[in-house]
């Protein structure tokens, strides 16, 4: 993930979000405080979790069946406010994160 300044001229931060398997970010939104919300899918059994609703991977990475995930990054991109797996051993699809979270602007 990366965040640029409003005019796109400078990089605010760049970071990696993922684990030991395949990780795909499918939707991102930013609230009015600059916190990024990301949803996607993962087959990483060690995907980072913080204050998780589902702390353990529920899918089966051997058969390509992963979990959805949702994560919230702090405005400076240095830490996860929360991150959790969402799913079980089935093919999982995620829904887009609303770009209007916290009064944010659409991307």
Protein backbone atom coordinates (compact mmCIF):
# COMPACT_ATOMS: atom_id res chain seq x y z
CA UNK A 1 0.00 0.00 0.00
CA UNK A 2 1.11 3.54 -0.60
CA UNK A 3 -0.33 6.96 0.12
CA UNK A 4 0.51 10.05 -1.91
CA UNK A 5 -0.08 13.70 -1.13
CA UNK A 6 -3.26 15.24 -2.57
CA UNK A 7 -1.42 16.56 -5.63
CA UNK A 8 0.36 13.23 -6.19
CA UNK A 9 3.80 14.83 -6.07
CA UNK A 10 5.08 13.21 -2.87
CA UNK A 11 4.92 9.85 -1.17
CA UNK A 12 3.48 9.98 2.35
CA UNK A 13 4.14 6.32 3.11
CA UNK A 14 4.57 2.93 1.54
CA UNK A 15 4.12 -0.37 3.36
CA UNK A 16 3.55 -4.07 2.85
CA UNK A 17 0.42 -5.80 4.15
CA UNK A 18 0.46 -9.56 3.92
CA UNK A 19 1.95 -12.83 5.03
CA UNK A 20 3.47 -16.05 3.73
CA UNK A 21 0.88 -16.78 1.03
CA UNK A 22 -1.07 -14.99 -1.64
CA UNK A 23 -2.55 -11.67 -0.53
CA UNK A 24 -4.77 -9.51 -2.74
CA UNK A 25 -6.15 -6.12 -1.80
CA UNK A 26 -9.50 -5.65 -3.54
CA UNK A 27 -10.88 -2.41 -2.10
CA UNK A 28 -9.51 0.60 -0.25
CA UNK A 29 -11.05 3.70 1.28
CA UNK A 30 -9.67 6.56 3.35
CA UNK A 31 -11.61 8.36 6.07
CA UNK A 32 -11.40 12.08 6.78
CA UNK A 33 -8.58 11.46 9.28
CA UNK A 34 -6.42 9.74 6.65
CA UNK A 35 -6.85 6.22 8.01
CA UNK A 36 -6.93 3.59 5.27
CA UNK A 37 -9.41 0.69 5.24
CA UNK A 38 -8.49 -2.29 3.06
CA UNK A 39 -10.41 -5.45 2.20
CA UNK A 40 -9.19 -8.36 0.18
CA UNK A 41 -8.43 -12.04 0.24
CA UNK A 42 -5.53 -14.02 1.61
CA UNK A 43 -4.18 -17.55 1.72
CA UNK A 44 -1.56 -16.46 4.28
CA UNK A 45 -1.88 -18.38 7.52
CA UNK A 46 0.28 -15.72 9.18
CA UNK A 47 -1.56 -12.64 7.87
CA UNK A 48 -1.09 -9.97 10.56
CA UNK A 49 -4.04 -9.55 12.91
CA UNK A 50 -4.68 -6.84 15.50
CA UNK A 51 -7.76 -6.97 17.75
CA UNK A 52 -9.19 -9.67 15.42
CA UNK A 53 -12.76 -10.89 15.27
CA UNK A 54 -11.34 -14.08 13.72
CA UNK A 55 -7.71 -14.49 14.85
CA UNK A 56 -6.90 -17.68 12.93
CA UNK A 57 -6.90 -18.48 9.21
CA UNK A 58 -10.03 -20.49 8.44
CA UNK A 59 -9.39 -21.39 4.82
CA UNK A 60 -7.37 -24.09 3.12
CA UNK A 61 -4.43 -22.54 1.26
CA UNK A 62 -3.48 -25.94 -0.23
CA UNK A 63 -6.65 -25.89 -2.33
CA UNK A 64 -6.67 -22.16 -3.03
CA UNK A 65 -9.46 -21.46 -0.60
CA UNK A 66 -8.56 -18.45 1.45
CA UNK A 67 -10.14 -16.00 3.79
CA UNK A 68 -11.32 -12.48 3.27
CA UNK A 69 -9.64 -9.88 5.42
CA UNK A 70 -10.28 -6.34 6.54
CA UNK A 71 -7.59 -4.06 7.91
CA UNK A 72 -7.40 -0.47 9.12
CA UNK A 73 -4.10 1.40 8.97
CA UNK A 74 -3.22 4.47 11.00
CA UNK A 75 -3.05 7.77 9.10
CA UNK A 76 0.77 7.67 8.97
CA UNK A 77 0.77 4.06 7.72
CA UNK A 78 3.05 2.90 10.54
CA UNK A 79 0.65 0.54 12.29
CA UNK A 80 -2.51 -1.48 11.99
CA UNK A 81 -5.39 -0.22 14.14
CA UNK A 82 -7.11 -3.55 13.52
CA UNK A 83 -6.95 -6.43 11.12
CA UNK A 84 -8.87 -9.70 11.00
CA UNK A 85 -9.55 -12.76 8.92
CA UNK A 86 -13.15 -13.16 7.76
CA UNK A 87 -14.01 -16.56 6.42
CA UNK A 88 -13.81 -20.33 6.56
CA UNK A 89 -12.64 -23.10 4.26
CA UNK A 90 -14.64 -21.92 1.24
CA UNK A 91 -13.97 -19.63 -1.68
CA UNK A 92 -14.50 -16.15 -0.25
CA UNK A 93 -15.43 -12.92 -2.00
CA UNK A 94 -15.15 -9.51 -0.42
CA UNK A 95 -17.36 -6.50 -0.80
CA UNK A 96 -16.04 -2.99 -1.42
CA UNK A 97 -15.25 -0.73 1.49
CA UNK A 98 -17.43 2.36 1.45
CA UNK A 99 -15.40 5.42 0.43
CA UNK A 100 -17.61 7.47 2.73
CA UNK A 101 -16.30 5.95 5.98
CA UNK A 102 -16.02 8.66 8.60
CA UNK A 103 -17.00 11.36 6.10
CA UNK A 104 -14.10 10.56 3.78
CA UNK A 105 -13.99 11.40 0.11
CA UNK A 106 -14.26 8.80 -2.65
CA UNK A 107 -10.95 7.69 -4.17
